[in-house]
Amino acid sequence: MKKLFACVISVLVLAAPLPAQPTAGGKEEKPLAGELAIAAAADLRFALDELAKDFKTRHPAVEIKPSYGSSGSFYAMLKNEAPFDIFLSADAQYPRKLAEAGLGADTNVFIYAVGRLAIWVPKTSRVDVRKLGMKALLGSSIRKVAIANPAHAPYGRAAEAAMKSANIYDAVQPKLVFGENITQALQFVQSGAADIGIIALSLVEAPQIKNEGSYWEVPLDSYPRMEQGGLILKWTRNPAAARAFRDFLTSDAGRAGLKRFGFYFPGQ
């Protein structure tokens, strides 16, 4: 009987659920769960979708809900505490201003990438953009040039700076059409509403777009460095998941994912 009793006790102990593991601070660490709403710059349209899938394999109970748009428009919304958990901006100045206004969960703005520009034409175009570079914008067959709206889109301001650096802005300016954000500028060229566009390299490098046309990368020294920054917002409903996603985005795995879409990184 004693042996039987001992065996029963052993089985019960082995079958019992393991207790939650304590963290370094002595508290139990709960699995991450819930939704994470991200206000994301439009140049992340394809890259962030892929990164969200990778993050979900690590944290299956967290649902990433990205919304894409111009960083300036999101900044205006977030000043009024729009219901997002994280802001990923194409211009680090926007999250810095929010942090300075006390709207961040902390004051730490994290730099996650450096954006790059490309001049892109669809397959149907006869313009040899790889050979002509910036001069492709001046061609007689080019009637409309799409860029993001420089009033609130960092890529639009960078496109203007690149044209001015090449001394072609005055000639191209009458041809310009403005997308609400850089994704819409790309769509203008895809649809034929524009003949050519100055687009985020991260969009034209995406597998969904890469085979649709050809591009020429605009030299980095022809426009101001586009440091892209993020901030966890003060009113986040899911601070633990927000911190985990920030840490993932700036990790080696996150950077590898961003690199596949043509992003540089701080220090490069």
Protein backbone atom coordinates (compact mmCIF):
# COMPACT_ATOMS: atom_id res chain seq x y z
CA MET A 1 0.00 0.00 0.00
CA LYS A 2 2.82 2.40 0.84
CA LYS A 3 4.35 1.81 -2.60
CA LEU A 4 0.98 2.34 -4.30
CA PHE A 5 0.39 5.54 -2.30
CA ALA A 6 3.84 6.85 -3.29
CA CYS A 7 3.19 6.14 -6.97
CA VAL A 8 -0.15 8.00 -6.86
CA ILE A 9 1.49 11.03 -5.24
CA SER A 10 4.25 11.03 -7.89
CA VAL A 11 1.71 10.97 -10.73
CA LEU A 12 -0.27 13.84 -9.19
CA VAL A 13 2.86 15.94 -8.79
CA LEU A 14 3.93 15.33 -12.40
CA ALA A 15 0.45 16.09 -13.72
CA ALA A 16 0.09 19.34 -11.80
CA PRO A 17 0.54 22.52 -13.90
CA LEU A 18 3.85 24.26 -13.51
CA PRO A 19 3.67 27.60 -11.69
CA ALA A 20 4.26 30.82 -13.65
CA GLN A 21 7.93 31.73 -13.76
CA PRO A 22 8.91 34.72 -11.63
CA THR A 23 10.59 37.67 -13.31
CA ALA A 24 13.78 39.26 -12.03
CA GLY A 25 11.60 41.50 -9.83
CA GLY A 26 9.93 38.50 -8.21
CA LYS A 27 6.55 38.92 -9.96
CA GLU A 28 4.93 36.29 -12.14
CA GLU A 29 5.37 36.92 -15.86
CA LYS A 30 2.06 36.54 -17.73
CA PRO A 31 1.94 35.60 -21.41
CA LEU A 32 1.35 38.57 -23.67
CA ALA A 33 -2.14 38.87 -25.11
CA GLY A 34 -4.62 41.35 -26.55
CA GLU A 35 -4.55 43.87 -29.38
CA LEU A 36 -1.78 46.30 -30.26
CA ALA A 37 -2.87 49.24 -32.43
CA ILE A 38 0.01 50.81 -34.36
CA ALA A 39 -0.05 54.13 -36.20
CA ALA A 40 2.57 53.42 -38.86
CA ALA A 41 4.22 55.49 -41.56
CA ALA A 42 3.06 54.46 -45.04
CA ASP A 43 6.56 53.35 -46.08
CA LEU A 44 6.15 50.44 -43.64
CA ARG A 45 3.10 49.14 -45.54
CA PHE A 46 4.70 45.84 -46.59
CA ALA A 47 7.58 45.53 -44.13
CA LEU A 48 5.43 45.86 -41.02
CA ASP A 49 2.94 43.29 -42.29
CA GLU A 50 5.77 40.75 -42.46
CA LEU A 51 7.25 41.77 -39.12
CA ALA A 52 3.84 41.44 -37.47
CA LYS A 53 3.64 37.82 -38.66
CA ASP A 54 7.09 37.12 -37.22
CA PHE A 55 6.15 38.75 -33.90
CA LYS A 56 2.98 36.67 -33.74
CA THR A 57 4.94 33.44 -33.97
CA ARG A 58 6.67 34.55 -30.78
CA HIS A 59 3.53 35.90 -29.08
CA PRO A 60 0.53 34.08 -30.62
CA ALA A 61 -2.06 35.75 -28.38
CA VAL A 62 -1.15 39.29 -29.48
CA GLU A 63 -3.03 40.76 -32.44
CA ILE A 64 -1.12 43.49 -34.31
CA LYS A 65 -3.50 46.07 -35.82
CA PRO A 66 -1.50 48.47 -38.04
CA SER A 67 -2.96 51.57 -39.67
CA TYR A 68 -0.88 53.22 -42.41
CA GLY A 69 -0.74 56.89 -43.31
CA SER A 70 1.40 60.00 -43.39
CA SER A 71 3.44 60.65 -40.27
CA GLY A 72 2.34 64.29 -40.07
CA SER A 73 -1.34 63.35 -40.18
CA PHE A 74 -0.84 60.77 -37.43
CA TYR A 75 1.05 63.33 -35.37
CA ALA A 76 -1.91 65.71 -35.54
CA MET A 77 -4.26 62.90 -34.46
CA LEU A 78 -2.03 61.73 -31.64
CA LYS A 79 -1.81 65.21 -30.14
CA ASN A 80 -5.51 64.63 -29.46
CA GLU A 81 -4.80 61.15 -28.04
CA ALA A 82 -6.05 59.04 -30.95
CA PRO A 83 -6.49 55.41 -29.76
CA PHE A 84 -3.16 53.88 -30.75
CA ASP A 85 -0.60 52.07 -28.62
CA ILE A 86 2.54 52.76 -30.68
CA PHE A 87 3.51 55.45 -33.20
CA LEU A 88 6.04 54.48 -35.90
CA SER A 89 6.95 57.64 -37.77
CA ALA A 90 8.99 58.21 -40.94
CA ASP A 91 10.37 61.33 -39.22
CA ALA A 92 11.72 60.94 -35.69
CA GLN A 93 10.88 64.58 -34.94
CA TYR A 94 7.17 63.78 -34.68
CA PRO A 95 7.46 61.24 -31.84
CA ARG A 96 10.05 63.47 -30.18
CA LYS A 97 7.52 66.32 -30.10
CA LEU A 98 4.91 64.01 -28.60
CA ALA A 99 7.39 62.85 -25.95
CA GLU A 100 8.29 66.46 -25.14
CA ALA A 101 4.58 67.18 -24.67
CA GLY A 102 4.36 64.34 -22.15
CA LEU A 103 2.33 62.06 -24.43
CA GLY A 104 4.72 59.11 -24.36
CA ALA A 105 4.60 56.19 -21.93
CA ASP A 106 8.18 57.27 -21.25
CA THR A 107 10.53 59.81 -22.82
CA ASN A 108 12.41 57.20 -24.84
CA VAL A 109 11.94 57.72 -28.58
CA PHE A 110 13.50 54.73 -30.33
CA ILE A 111 15.10 54.97 -33.78
CA TYR A 112 14.23 51.84 -35.74
CA ALA A 113 15.38 52.59 -39.31
CA VAL A 114 16.63 55.14 -41.84
CA GLY A 115 14.42 55.68 -44.89
CA ARG A 116 15.63 55.82 -48.50
CA LEU A 117 14.21 57.19 -51.76
CA ALA A 118 13.90 55.65 -55.21
CA ILE A 119 12.60 56.86 -58.57
CA TRP A 120 10.20 54.23 -59.88
CA VAL A 121 8.46 53.52 -63.20
CA PRO A 122 6.13 50.65 -64.11
CA LYS A 123 7.06 47.94 -66.60
CA THR A 124 5.02 49.63 -69.32
CA SER A 125 7.20 52.75 -69.23
CA ARG A 126 9.76 53.35 -71.96
CA VAL A 127 11.84 55.53 -69.64
CA ASP A 128 15.16 53.93 -68.73
CA VAL A 129 15.21 55.14 -65.14
CA ARG A 130 18.28 53.09 -64.25
CA LYS A 131 20.30 54.89 -66.90
CA LEU A 132 18.84 58.39 -66.53
CA GLY A 133 18.51 58.66 -62.77
CA MET A 134 17.11 62.04 -61.69
CA LYS A 135 17.08 63.22 -65.32
CA ALA A 136 14.30 60.73 -65.97
CA LEU A 137 11.94 63.25 -64.35
CA LEU A 138 12.70 65.75 -67.12
CA GLY A 139 11.76 63.54 -70.09
CA SER A 140 9.27 64.90 -72.62
CA SER A 141 7.07 61.82 -72.14
CA ILE A 142 6.82 62.52 -68.40
CA ARG A 143 3.70 64.57 -67.78
CA LYS A 144 3.05 63.76 -64.11
CA VAL A 145 5.51 63.03 -61.31
CA ALA A 146 4.07 61.57 -58.11
CA ILE A 147 5.49 62.33 -54.67
CA ALA A 148 4.01 62.29 -51.17
CA ASN A 149 2.55 65.58 -49.99
CA PRO A 150 5.46 67.49 -48.43
CA ALA A 151 3.06 69.37 -46.16
CA HIS A 152 2.79 66.36 -43.86
CA ALA A 153 4.75 63.45 -45.38
CA PRO A 154 8.51 63.16 -44.67
CA TYR A 155 9.10 61.37 -47.99
CA GLY A 156 7.53 64.27 -49.84
CA ARG A 157 9.91 66.72 -48.18
CA ALA A 158 12.84 64.43 -48.95
CA ALA A 159 11.76 64.18 -52.61
CA GLU A 160 11.66 67.97 -52.92
CA ALA A 161 15.10 68.25 -51.32
CA ALA A 162 16.54 65.65 -53.72
CA MET A 163 15.19 67.52 -56.77
CA LYS A 164 16.55 70.81 -55.48
CA SER A 165 19.93 69.18 -54.84
CA ALA A 166 19.96 68.04 -58.49
CA ASN A 167 18.91 71.54 -59.67
CA ILE A 168 15.80 70.20 -61.42
CA TYR A 169 13.04 71.18 -59.00
CA ASP A 170 11.90 74.27 -60.92
CA ALA A 171 11.58 72.24 -64.13
CA VAL A 172 9.74 69.36 -62.47
CA GLN A 173 7.52 71.36 -60.11
CA PRO A 174 4.69 71.96 -62.68
CA LYS A 175 4.45 68.17 -63.20
CA LEU A 176 4.09 67.25 -59.53
CA VAL A 177 1.04 65.43 -58.19
CA PHE A 178 0.78 64.76 -54.48
CA GLY A 179 -0.30 61.59 -52.75
CA GLU A 180 -1.72 61.84 -49.26
CA ASN A 181 1.15 59.56 -48.25
CA ILE A 182 3.96 57.67 -49.96
CA THR A 183 1.82 54.59 -50.60
CA GLN A 184 -0.73 56.69 -52.47
CA ALA A 185 2.07 58.27 -54.52
CA LEU A 186 3.07 54.75 -55.58
CA GLN A 187 -0.55 53.94 -56.43
CA PHE A 188 -0.72 57.01 -58.69
CA VAL A 189 2.10 55.56 -60.80
CA GLN A 190 0.66 52.05 -60.73
CA SER A 191 -2.71 53.28 -61.94
CA GLY A 192 -1.33 55.54 -64.68
CA ALA A 193 -2.40 58.75 -62.95
CA ALA A 194 1.33 59.62 -62.91
CA ASP A 195 4.12 58.52 -65.24
CA ILE A 196 6.88 58.26 -62.64
CA GLY A 197 7.26 58.65 -58.91
CA ILE A 198 9.77 59.40 -56.19
CA ILE A 199 8.87 56.58 -53.83
CA ALA A 200 10.13 54.95 -50.63
CA LEU A 201 12.70 52.28 -51.45
CA SER A 202 10.97 50.05 -48.88
CA LEU A 203 7.86 49.95 -51.08
CA VAL A 204 9.49 49.28 -54.45
CA GLU A 205 11.74 46.62 -52.88
CA ALA A 206 8.72 44.74 -51.51
CA PRO A 207 8.04 41.37 -53.20
CA GLN A 208 4.52 42.59 -54.05
CA ILE A 209 5.94 45.49 -56.13
CA LYS A 210 9.49 44.50 -57.10
CA ASN A 211 8.54 42.82 -60.39
CA GLU A 212 6.05 45.49 -61.45
CA GLY A 213 8.66 48.00 -62.60
CA SER A 214 12.20 49.30 -62.25
CA TYR A 215 13.84 51.91 -60.06
CA TRP A 216 16.94 54.00 -59.45
CA GLU A 217 17.94 54.71 -55.87
CA VAL A 218 18.34 58.41 -55.09
CA PRO A 219 21.76 59.10 -53.49
CA LEU A 220 21.49 59.43 -49.72
CA ASP A 221 23.54 62.62 -49.68
CA SER A 222 21.00 64.47 -51.84
CA TYR A 223 18.34 64.76 -49.13
CA PRO A 224 18.31 65.06 -45.33
CA ARG A 225 18.80 61.82 -43.44
CA MET A 226 15.38 60.32 -42.69
CA GLU A 227 15.69 58.81 -39.24
CA GLN A 228 12.51 56.91 -38.50
CA GLY A 229 11.47 56.88 -34.88
CA GLY A 230 8.81 55.36 -32.67
CA LEU A 231 7.12 56.00 -29.34
CA ILE A 232 4.94 53.97 -27.00
CA LEU A 233 2.01 56.24 -26.24
CA LYS A 234 1.02 57.28 -22.74
CA TRP A 235 -2.53 55.90 -23.04
CA THR A 236 -1.57 52.50 -24.42
CA ARG A 237 -3.99 49.79 -23.34
CA ASN A 238 -1.33 47.09 -23.59
CA PRO A 239 2.02 48.41 -22.29
CA ALA A 240 3.66 45.00 -21.90
CA ALA A 241 2.93 43.99 -25.52
CA ALA A 242 3.93 47.47 -26.73
CA ARG A 243 7.32 47.19 -25.03
CA ALA A 244 7.80 43.68 -26.40
CA PHE A 245 7.06 44.85 -29.95
CA ARG A 246 9.43 47.81 -29.60
CA ASP A 247 12.17 45.48 -28.39
CA PHE A 248 11.48 43.07 -31.26
CA LEU A 249 11.53 45.85 -33.88
CA THR A 250 14.96 47.06 -32.71
CA SER A 251 16.39 43.55 -32.25
CA ASP A 252 18.59 41.70 -34.73
CA ALA A 253 15.52 39.80 -35.99
CA GLY A 254 13.53 42.99 -36.48
CA ARG A 255 16.38 44.71 -38.28
CA ALA A 256 16.86 41.71 -40.55
CA GLY A 257 13.19 41.98 -41.54
CA LEU A 258 13.47 45.72 -42.20
CA LYS A 259 16.68 45.25 -44.17
CA ARG A 260 14.88 42.96 -46.62
CA PHE A 261 12.76 45.97 -47.55
CA GLY A 262 15.64 48.37 -48.13
CA PHE A 263 15.93 50.15 -44.79
CA TYR A 264 19.22 51.33 -43.31
CA PHE A 265 19.81 51.40 -39.58
CA PRO A 266 21.11 53.93 -37.06
CA GLY A 267 24.88 54.27 -37.31
CA GLN A 268 25.04 53.35 -41.01
